[in-house]
Every structure is written in structure tokens, then in C-alpha cells.
C-alpha atoms as a PDB file:
ATOM      1  CA  MET A   1      78.681 109.164  90.604  1.00  0.00           C
ATOM      2  CA  LYS A   2      81.591 106.918  89.836  1.00  0.00           C
ATOM      3  CA  LYS A   3      83.578 106.024  92.421  1.00  0.00           C
ATOM      4  CA  ILE A   4      87.688 107.774  92.071  1.00  0.00           C
ATOM      5  CA  LYS A   5      89.880 105.250  91.216  1.00  0.00           C
ATOM      6  CA  LEU A   6      93.828 105.991  93.361  1.00  0.00           C
ATOM      7  CA  PHE A   7      96.185 104.609  91.956  1.00  0.00           C
ATOM      8  CA  CYS A   8      99.215 104.055  94.391  1.00  0.00           C
ATOM      9  CA  LEU A   9     102.904 103.456  93.391  1.00  0.00           C
ATOM     10  CA  PRO A  10     105.332 102.230  95.934  1.00  0.00           C
ATOM     11  CA  TYR A  11     109.060 103.362  96.921  1.00  0.00           C
ATOM     12  CA  ALA A  12     112.075 101.370  95.994  1.00  0.00           C
ATOM     13  CA  GLY A  13     111.638  98.112  97.514  1.00  0.00           C
ATOM     14  CA  GLY A  14     108.213  97.811  97.873  1.00  0.00           C
ATOM     15  CA  SER A  15     105.209  96.445  96.847  1.00  0.00           C
ATOM     16  CA  ALA A  16     101.596  96.849  96.221  1.00  0.00           C
ATOM     17  CA  MET A  17     101.059  95.741 100.216  1.00  0.00           C
ATOM     18  CA  VAL A  18     102.710  99.208 101.508  1.00  0.00           C
ATOM     19  CA  TYR A  19      98.714 100.820 101.075  1.00  0.00           C
ATOM     20  CA  HIS A  20      96.591  98.258 101.751  1.00  0.00           C
ATOM     21  CA  ARG A  21      96.278  99.278 105.103  1.00  0.00           C
ATOM     22  CA  TRP A  22      95.044 102.400 103.498  1.00  0.00           C
ATOM     23  CA  LYS A  23      91.513 100.802 102.579  1.00  0.00           C
ATOM     24  CA  SER A  24      90.252 101.000 105.801  1.00  0.00           C
ATOM     25  CA  TYR A  25      91.165 105.091 106.283  1.00  0.00           C
ATOM     26  CA  LEU A  26      90.084 106.087 102.429  1.00  0.00           C
ATOM     27  CA  ALA A  27      86.650 107.814 101.664  1.00  0.00           C
ATOM     28  CA  SER A  28      83.564 105.236 100.597  1.00  0.00           C
ATOM     29  CA  ASN A  29      83.878 107.105  97.129  1.00  0.00           C
ATOM     30  CA  ILE A  30      87.484 106.057  96.723  1.00  0.00           C
ATOM     31  CA  ASP A  31      88.425 102.940  95.424  1.00  0.00           C
ATOM     32  CA  LEU A  32      92.227 101.564  95.908  1.00  0.00           C
ATOM     33  CA  HIS A  33      94.502 100.702  93.432  1.00  0.00           C
ATOM     34  CA  ALA A  34      97.831  99.499  94.333  1.00  0.00           C
ATOM     35  CA  VAL A  35     100.099  98.857  91.713  1.00  0.00           C
ATOM     36  CA  GLU A  36     102.145  95.726  91.617  1.00  0.00           C
ATOM     37  CA  LEU A  37     105.557  96.458  89.690  1.00  0.00           C
ATOM     38  CA  ALA A  38     107.698  93.913  88.068  1.00  0.00           C
ATOM     39  CA  GLY A  39     110.200  91.956  90.754  1.00  0.00           C
ATOM     40  CA  ARG A  40     107.499  91.685  93.896  1.00  0.00           C
ATOM     41  CA  GLY A  41     104.569  90.640  95.233  1.00  0.00           C
ATOM     42  CA  SER A  42     102.512  88.748  92.930  1.00  0.00           C
ATOM     43  CA  ARG A  43     104.940  89.433  90.672  1.00  0.00           C
ATOM     44  CA  ILE A  44     108.325  88.101  92.480  1.00  0.00           C
ATOM     45  CA  TYR A  45     109.193  86.117  89.309  1.00  0.00           C
ATOM     46  CA  GLU A  46     109.114  88.484  87.055  1.00  0.00           C
ATOM     47  CA  ARG A  47     112.388  90.110  86.012  1.00  0.00           C
ATOM     48  CA  PHE A  48     113.488  93.650  87.286  1.00  0.00           C
ATOM     49  CA  TYR A  49     113.264  96.693  85.118  1.00  0.00           C
ATOM     50  CA  GLU A  50     116.256  98.227  83.567  1.00  0.00           C
ATOM     51  CA  SER A  51     114.795 101.695  84.065  1.00  0.00           C
ATOM     52  CA  ILE A  52     111.997 104.094  84.994  1.00  0.00           C
ATOM     53  CA  SER A  53     110.819 104.236  81.769  1.00  0.00           C
ATOM     54  CA  GLU A  54     110.381 100.634  80.999  1.00  0.00           C
ATOM     55  CA  ALA A  55     108.619 100.505  84.924  1.00  0.00           C
ATOM     56  CA  VAL A  56     106.522 103.421  83.373  1.00  0.00           C
ATOM     57  CA  GLU A  57     105.487 101.062  79.945  1.00  0.00           C
ATOM     58  CA  ASP A  58     104.823  98.381  82.134  1.00  0.00           C
ATOM     59  CA  VAL A  59     102.324 100.279  84.416  1.00  0.00           C
ATOM     60  CA  TYR A  60     100.685 102.097  81.449  1.00  0.00           C
ATOM     61  CA  GLY A  61      99.991  98.852  79.515  1.00  0.00           C
ATOM     62  CA  GLY A  62      98.282  97.102  82.995  1.00  0.00           C
ATOM     63  CA  ILE A  63      95.611 100.286  83.203  1.00  0.00           C
ATOM     64  CA  HIS A  64      96.040 102.713  80.717  1.00  0.00           C
ATOM     65  CA  LYS A  65      91.879 100.385  79.698  1.00  0.00           C
ATOM     66  CA  GLN A  66      90.618 101.649  83.301  1.00  0.00           C
ATOM     67  CA  LEU A  67      91.799 105.344  82.579  1.00  0.00           C
ATOM     68  CA  CYS A  68      88.870 106.006  80.072  1.00  0.00           C
ATOM     69  CA  GLU A  69      85.897 104.547  82.946  1.00  0.00           C
ATOM     70  CA  GLY A  70      86.266 107.444  85.100  1.00  0.00           C
ATOM     71  CA  PRO A  71      88.042 109.746  87.602  1.00  0.00           C
ATOM     72  CA  TYR A  72      90.960 109.179  88.972  1.00  0.00           C
ATOM     73  CA  ALA A  73      94.055 110.562  90.746  1.00  0.00           C
ATOM     74  CA  PHE A  74      98.069 108.691  91.036  1.00  0.00           C
ATOM     75  CA  PHE A  75      99.514 108.672  94.359  1.00  0.00           C
ATOM     76  CA  GLY A  76     103.133 107.634  94.514  1.00  0.00           C
ATOM     77  CA  HIS A  77     106.041 107.570  97.147  1.00  0.00           C
ATOM     78  CA  SER A  78     109.987 107.970  96.385  1.00  0.00           C
ATOM     79  CA  MET A  79     110.516 106.287  93.363  1.00  0.00           C
ATOM     80  CA  GLY A  80     106.989 105.776  92.556  1.00  0.00           C
ATOM     81  CA  SER A  81     106.735 109.385  92.929  1.00  0.00           C
ATOM     82  CA  ILE A  82     108.981 109.610  89.467  1.00  0.00           C
ATOM     83  CA  ILE A  83     106.611 106.610  87.916  1.00  0.00           C
ATOM     84  CA  VAL A  84     103.853 108.728  88.489  1.00  0.00           C
ATOM     85  CA  TYR A  85     105.025 111.847  86.717  1.00  0.00           C
ATOM     86  CA  GLU A  86     106.450 109.830  83.674  1.00  0.00           C
ATOM     87  CA  LEU A  87     102.975 107.325  83.832  1.00  0.00           C
ATOM     88  CA  THR A  88     101.028 111.040  83.594  1.00  0.00           C
ATOM     89  CA  GLN A  89     103.417 112.731  80.745  1.00  0.00           C
ATOM     90  CA  ARG A  90     102.689 109.675  78.726  1.00  0.00           C
ATOM     91  CA  ILE A  91      98.962 109.375  79.474  1.00  0.00           C
ATOM     92  CA  LEU A  92      98.294 113.318  78.030  1.00  0.00           C
ATOM     93  CA  HIS A  93     100.512 112.654  75.291  1.00  0.00           C
ATOM     94  CA  ASN A  94      98.214 109.284  74.296  1.00  0.00           C
ATOM     95  CA  GLY A  95      95.694 112.013  74.547  1.00  0.00           C
ATOM     96  CA  LEU A  96      93.647 110.157  77.353  1.00  0.00           C
ATOM     97  CA  SER A  97      91.834 111.542  80.201  1.00  0.00           C
ATOM     98  CA  ALA A  98      93.978 113.591  82.882  1.00  0.00           C
ATOM     99  CA  PRO A  99      93.763 112.439  86.121  1.00  0.00           C
ATOM    100  CA  MET A 100      91.971 114.181  88.619  1.00  0.00           C
ATOM    101  CA  HIS A 101      94.829 115.350  91.034  1.00  0.00           C
ATOM    102  CA  LEU A 102      98.798 113.870  91.270  1.00  0.00           C
ATOM    103  CA  PHE A 103     100.339 112.900  95.014  1.00  0.00           C
ATOM    104  CA  PHE A 104     104.095 113.419  94.843  1.00  0.00           C
ATOM    105  CA  SER A 105     105.480 111.721  98.081  1.00  0.00           C
ATOM    106  CA  GLY A 106     108.978 111.629  99.478  1.00  0.00           C
ATOM    107  CA  ARG A 107     110.662 112.766  96.193  1.00  0.00           C
ATOM    108  CA  GLY A 108     111.878 115.941  95.004  1.00  0.00           C
ATOM    109  CA  ALA A 109     111.280 117.586  91.358  1.00  0.00           C
ATOM    110  CA  PRO A 110     112.374 115.817  88.333  1.00  0.00           C
ATOM    111  CA  ASP A 111     114.354 118.635  87.194  1.00  0.00           C
ATOM    112  CA  VAL A 112     116.572 119.431  90.645  1.00  0.00           C
ATOM    113  CA  ILE A 113     118.985 117.483  91.391  1.00  0.00           C
ATOM    114  CA  ASP A 114     120.621 117.709  94.606  1.00  0.00           C
ATOM    115  CA  LYS A 115     125.066 117.181  94.561  1.00  0.00           C
ATOM    116  CA  ASP A 116     125.376 115.872  97.834  1.00  0.00           C
ATOM    117  CA  GLU A 117     122.341 113.077  97.415  1.00  0.00           C
ATOM    118  CA  LYS A 118     124.003 110.073  98.234  1.00  0.00           C
ATOM    119  CA  ILE A 119     124.292 107.323  95.622  1.00  0.00           C
ATOM    120  CA  PHE A 120     122.936 103.568  97.024  1.00  0.00           C
ATOM    121  CA  HIS A 121     122.715 101.426  94.082  1.00  0.00           C
ATOM    122  CA  THR A 122     126.969 101.445  93.998  1.00  0.00           C
ATOM    123  CA  MET A 123     127.573 101.167  97.726  1.00  0.00           C
ATOM    124  CA  PRO A 124     129.515  97.737  98.751  1.00  0.00           C
ATOM    125  CA  VAL A 125     126.510  95.432 100.079  1.00  0.00           C
ATOM    126  CA  ASP A 126     127.314  96.242 104.155  1.00  0.00           C
ATOM    127  CA  VAL A 127     127.658  99.687 103.666  1.00  0.00           C
ATOM    128  CA  PHE A 128     124.224  99.465 101.041  1.00  0.00           C
ATOM    129  CA  ARG A 129     122.652  97.405 104.128  1.00  0.00           C
ATOM    130  CA  LYS A 130     123.693  99.768 107.227  1.00  0.00           C
ATOM    131  CA  GLU A 131     122.274 102.955 104.690  1.00  0.00           C
ATOM    132  CA  VAL A 132     119.310 101.328 103.866  1.00  0.00           C
ATOM    133  CA  LEU A 133     118.018 100.354 107.338  1.00  0.00           C
ATOM    134  CA  GLU A 134     119.042 103.745 108.763  1.00  0.00           C
ATOM    135  CA  LEU A 135     116.130 104.894 106.217  1.00  0.00           C
ATOM    136  CA  GLY A 136     113.535 103.294 107.684  1.00  0.00           C
ATOM    137  CA  GLY A 137     111.745 101.792 105.004  1.00  0.00           C
ATOM    138  CA  THR A 138     112.697  98.465 105.195  1.00  0.00           C
ATOM    139  CA  PRO A 139     111.641  96.168 108.042  1.00  0.00           C
ATOM    140  CA  ARG A 140     114.445  95.546 110.648  1.00  0.00           C
ATOM    141  CA  GLU A 141     113.454  91.550 110.327  1.00  0.00           C
ATOM    142  CA  LEU A 142     114.960  91.447 107.023  1.00  0.00           C
ATOM    143  CA  PHE A 143     118.560  91.953 107.675  1.00  0.00           C
ATOM    144  CA  GLU A 144     118.423  89.574 110.900  1.00  0.00           C
ATOM    145  CA  HIS A 145     117.256  86.866 108.652  1.00  0.00           C
ATOM    146  CA  PRO A 146     120.057  86.296 105.617  1.00  0.00           C
ATOM    147  CA  GLU A 147     117.546  83.759 103.691  1.00  0.00           C
ATOM    148  CA  LEU A 148     115.176  86.347 103.476  1.00  0.00           C
ATOM    149  CA  LEU A 149     117.760  89.358 102.773  1.00  0.00           C
ATOM    150  CA  GLU A 150     119.027  87.620  99.917  1.00  0.00           C
ATOM    151  CA  LEU A 151     115.680  87.376  98.000  1.00  0.00           C
ATOM    152  CA  VAL A 152     114.947  90.794  99.059  1.00  0.00           C
ATOM    153  CA  LEU A 153     118.327  93.128  98.366  1.00  0.00           C
ATOM    154  CA  PRO A 154     118.517  92.532  94.650  1.00  0.00           C
ATOM    155  CA  LEU A 155     115.672  94.190  94.335  1.00  0.00           C
ATOM    156  CA  LEU A 156     116.081  97.055  96.809  1.00  0.00           C
ATOM    157  CA  LYS A 157     119.723  97.169  94.501  1.00  0.00           C
ATOM    158  CA  ASN A 158     117.814  97.279  91.438  1.00  0.00           C
ATOM    159  CA  ASP A 159     115.145  99.743  92.241  1.00  0.00           C
ATOM    160  CA  PHE A 160     117.864 102.079  93.599  1.00  0.00           C
ATOM    161  CA  LYS A 161     119.820 101.316  90.717  1.00  0.00           C
ATOM    162  CA  ILE A 162     116.676 102.739  88.217  1.00  0.00           C
ATOM    163  CA  HIS A 163     115.870 105.326  90.258  1.00  0.00           C
ATOM    164  CA  GLU A 164     119.086 106.941  90.747  1.00  0.00           C
ATOM    165  CA  ARG A 165     119.758 106.729  87.002  1.00  0.00           C
ATOM    166  CA  TYR A 166     116.718 108.807  85.978  1.00  0.00           C
ATOM    167  CA  LYS A 167     117.274 111.615  83.820  1.00  0.00           C
ATOM    168  CA  PHE A 168     114.523 114.465  83.840  1.00  0.00           C
ATOM    169  CA  ASP A 169     114.819 115.166  79.692  1.00  0.00           C
ATOM    170  CA  GLY A 170     114.393 119.300  80.180  1.00  0.00           C
ATOM    171  CA  GLN A 171     111.585 119.853  78.792  1.00  0.00           C
ATOM    172  CA  LEU A 172     108.945 121.384  81.506  1.00  0.00           C
ATOM    173  CA  LYS A 173     105.763 120.300  80.515  1.00  0.00           C
ATOM    174  CA  PRO A 174     103.282 121.520  83.608  1.00  0.00           C
ATOM    175  CA  PHE A 175     100.031 119.844  84.161  1.00  0.00           C
ATOM    176  CA  ASP A 176      96.729 121.392  84.005  1.00  0.00           C
ATOM    177  CA  PHE A 177      95.432 120.511  87.339  1.00  0.00           C
ATOM    178  CA  ASP A 178      96.206 120.763  91.144  1.00  0.00           C
ATOM    179  CA  ILE A 179      99.165 118.528  92.456  1.00  0.00           C
ATOM    180  CA  THR A 180      99.889 117.909  95.976  1.00  0.00           C
ATOM    181  CA  VAL A 181     103.603 117.355  97.301  1.00  0.00           C
ATOM    182  CA  LEU A 182     104.549 115.544 100.723  1.00  0.00           C
ATOM    183  CA  VAL A 183     107.548 115.550 102.677  1.00  0.00           C
ATOM    184  CA  GLY A 184     108.700 114.126 105.626  1.00  0.00           C
ATOM    185  CA  LYS A 185     110.408 117.053 107.951  1.00  0.00           C
ATOM    186  CA  ASP A 186     113.464 115.235 108.537  1.00  0.00           C
ATOM    187  CA  ASP A 187     113.884 113.961 104.924  1.00  0.00           C
ATOM    188  CA  GLU A 188     116.998 115.142 103.195  1.00  0.00           C
ATOM    189  CA  GLN A 189     115.169 116.740 100.104  1.00  0.00           C
ATOM    190  CA  THR A 190     116.010 120.472 100.092  1.00  0.00           C
ATOM    191  CA  ALA A 191     113.671 123.160  99.699  1.00  0.00           C
ATOM    192  CA  GLU A 192     114.723 123.772  96.358  1.00  0.00           C
ATOM    193  CA  GLN A 193     113.656 120.163  95.776  1.00  0.00           C
ATOM    194  CA  VAL A 194     110.523 120.042  97.257  1.00  0.00           C
ATOM    195  CA  HIS A 195     109.172 123.616  96.019  1.00  0.00           C
ATOM    196  CA  GLY A 196     110.495 122.489  92.461  1.00  0.00           C
ATOM    197  CA  TRP A 197     107.060 121.124  91.685  1.00  0.00           C
ATOM    198  CA  ARG A 198     105.219 124.363  91.574  1.00  0.00           C
ATOM    199  CA  ARG A 199     106.695 124.590  88.286  1.00  0.00           C
ATOM    200  CA  HIS A 200     105.459 121.395  86.941  1.00  0.00           C
ATOM    201  CA  THR A 201     101.771 122.428  87.097  1.00  0.00           C
ATOM    202  CA  ASN A 202      99.909 126.016  85.904  1.00  0.00           C
ATOM    203  CA  LYS A 203      97.059 124.946  88.744  1.00  0.00           C
ATOM    204  CA  LEU A 204      97.827 125.214  92.682  1.00  0.00           C
ATOM    205  CA  CYS A 205     100.714 122.796  93.846  1.00  0.00           C
ATOM    206  CA  LYS A 206     100.096 122.310  97.577  1.00  0.00           C
ATOM    207  CA  VAL A 207     102.776 121.389  99.569  1.00  0.00           C
ATOM    208  CA  TYR A 208     102.138 119.096 103.447  1.00  0.00           C
ATOM    209  CA  TYR A 209     105.265 118.556 105.734  1.00  0.00           C
ATOM    210  CA  PHE A 210     104.710 116.281 108.303  1.00  0.00           C
ATOM    211  CA  ASP A 211     106.841 114.708 111.188  1.00  0.00           C
ATOM    212  CA  GLY A 212     109.264 111.508 110.264  1.00  0.00           C
ATOM    213  CA  ASN A 213     112.022 111.308 107.846  1.00  0.00           C
ATOM    214  CA  HIS A 214     111.685 110.132 104.396  1.00  0.00           C
ATOM    215  CA  PHE A 215     109.215 106.641 105.199  1.00  0.00           C
ATOM    216  CA  PHE A 216     106.434 109.094 106.727  1.00  0.00           C
ATOM    217  CA  ILE A 217     103.963 107.702 105.364  1.00  0.00           C
ATOM    218  CA  ASN A 218     103.968 104.525 107.312  1.00  0.00           C
ATOM    219  CA  GLY A 219     103.678 106.221 110.596  1.00  0.00           C
ATOM    220  CA  TYR A 220     101.454 108.841 109.672  1.00  0.00           C
ATOM    221  CA  ALA A 221      99.375 106.754 107.301  1.00  0.00           C
ATOM    222  CA  GLU A 222      96.122 107.588 108.806  1.00  0.00           C
ATOM    223  CA  ASP A 223      96.923 111.659 107.816  1.00  0.00           C
ATOM    224  CA  VAL A 224      97.931 111.091 104.522  1.00  0.00           C
ATOM    225  CA  VAL A 225      94.848 109.197 103.465  1.00  0.00           C
ATOM    226  CA  ARG A 226      92.952 112.753 105.257  1.00  0.00           C
ATOM    227  CA  ILE A 227      94.844 114.587 103.134  1.00  0.00           C
ATOM    228  CA  ILE A 228      94.061 112.711 100.137  1.00  0.00           C
ATOM    229  CA  ASN A 229      90.313 112.228 101.697  1.00  0.00           C
ATOM    230  CA  GLN A 230      90.083 115.524 101.762  1.00  0.00           C
ATOM    231  CA  THR A 231      91.156 116.479  98.229  1.00  0.00           C
ATOM    232  CA  LEU A 232      89.207 114.049  96.094  1.00  0.00           C
ATOM    233  CA  GLU A 233      86.059 113.772  97.945  1.00  0.00           C
ATOM    234  CA  GLY A 234      85.896 117.850  99.183  1.00  0.00           C
ATOM    235  CA  GLY A 235      88.421 120.132  99.256  1.00  0.00           C
ATOM    236  CA  LEU A 236      89.368 121.211  96.356  1.00  0.00           C
ATOM    237  CA  TYR A 237      87.122 119.684  94.698  1.00  0.00           C
ATOM    238  CA  ALA A 238      84.093 120.822  96.451  1.00  0.00           C
END
């Protein structure tokens, strides 16, 4: 039996490295593919994306041949979730094999807008630094070393910009496979945003809540991966 490929998309400012620790927790028949986006990690010298659509095109170009080699699934956190959503729509539109499952983490349904949501990319630099630090996903050490912050800040600002400028196209195209939603109890997402994902599948949508804020996946990596293992290895597919 072929291994299940698990493609993981990072959050704003994140690189493929955020998922590397998952290797020690994943079931033996699940193969981790942490996707590196442009402008970070091994692709640090590549220009930033100008839109979520451009990010989707880039990821699709890098992985589409692998999607025909066996079963696969996607996991995305925050900005990564919306890339996963749009990427899957692109894959289905092009007639490629559908994923076994989608995991949407730390991000509300694409068609639900929270009018009170903060807009980070237009904030003055000092305010932006403070707000990003409070989110908890960026190591505090970066803010203590100006030379490192100078490298990371433009990427963070750009990722927030393309994520916050993303607009749902208005066409509801539910998937014909199960999806999973993961959210931190102290995150600022509304119940409508979280459970709005149910409209995006004709099958089962399971929601898991974790203690913690927007970046619960860092503190509860083993628990998150356990859900992935149970979902892909057994559970829904037993």
C-alpha cells in the first residue's frame, strides 16, 4: 500500500520548518511534505507573492505531478488554510485526483467575513510588531535582534497583506469528501466563521477545539498530529 502524502502549508511568515517536528509523531504510513513558500527558508531569495492566487499557482506547479502518484491530504494553518482551499478548488477544476481529506486550522470559512477583524498589514511598524508578538507565532527573540527582524518583517507584512486582501469569489463549491477544522479556544474567530466550513463539504465536517490562541498548533503539535493519524490511518477511513 502506498503511503499517504500529507502536504502542509504554513501560516503568514512561517516556513516549511514549522512542520518538521511532526515527523516524529506521524503514523508510519503518512509521508510529510512540508511545502516551502517563496520568500522564506530554502526559497528566501525569491520574490514575495502579490496575491493568494499567485501563491496557489506556485504551489500547484510544484506538487501537481505528485498528486497522481497515490493518496494525499492537505493541512493548512491560517493563511495556509486559504491556500489549501483555493489549491484544492484548482486541482478539482483541472480534473486531477481529489485529496482524501482536508485539514483547515486557525482560519474561518472563506465566505464568512468578520467586520471586526484586525487589519495587520496597514498598521504602523511599531503597532504591527506589538500585535504580531501578541499573536504568539513569531519567536520573541526576533524582536530582540533588529538585524533578524529586518529580514522577517517585510515577509510578515506581505503575507498579512495578501491574506487580508483575499476575497471569496462568491461561488459555493462544496467538496465531496470529509474535512476537519481545528481552532484555538482563545482565538478571535467567531462561531460563524468556524462552523461556516460545514457549507464547504457535502460530507462530514468535524471540528476540534484546543486550549490556546491562534497558534495552538505549536503547543499542541502531538495532539494535532494524533487527530491527523486517526483521520487518515484509521477513524474515518477504517
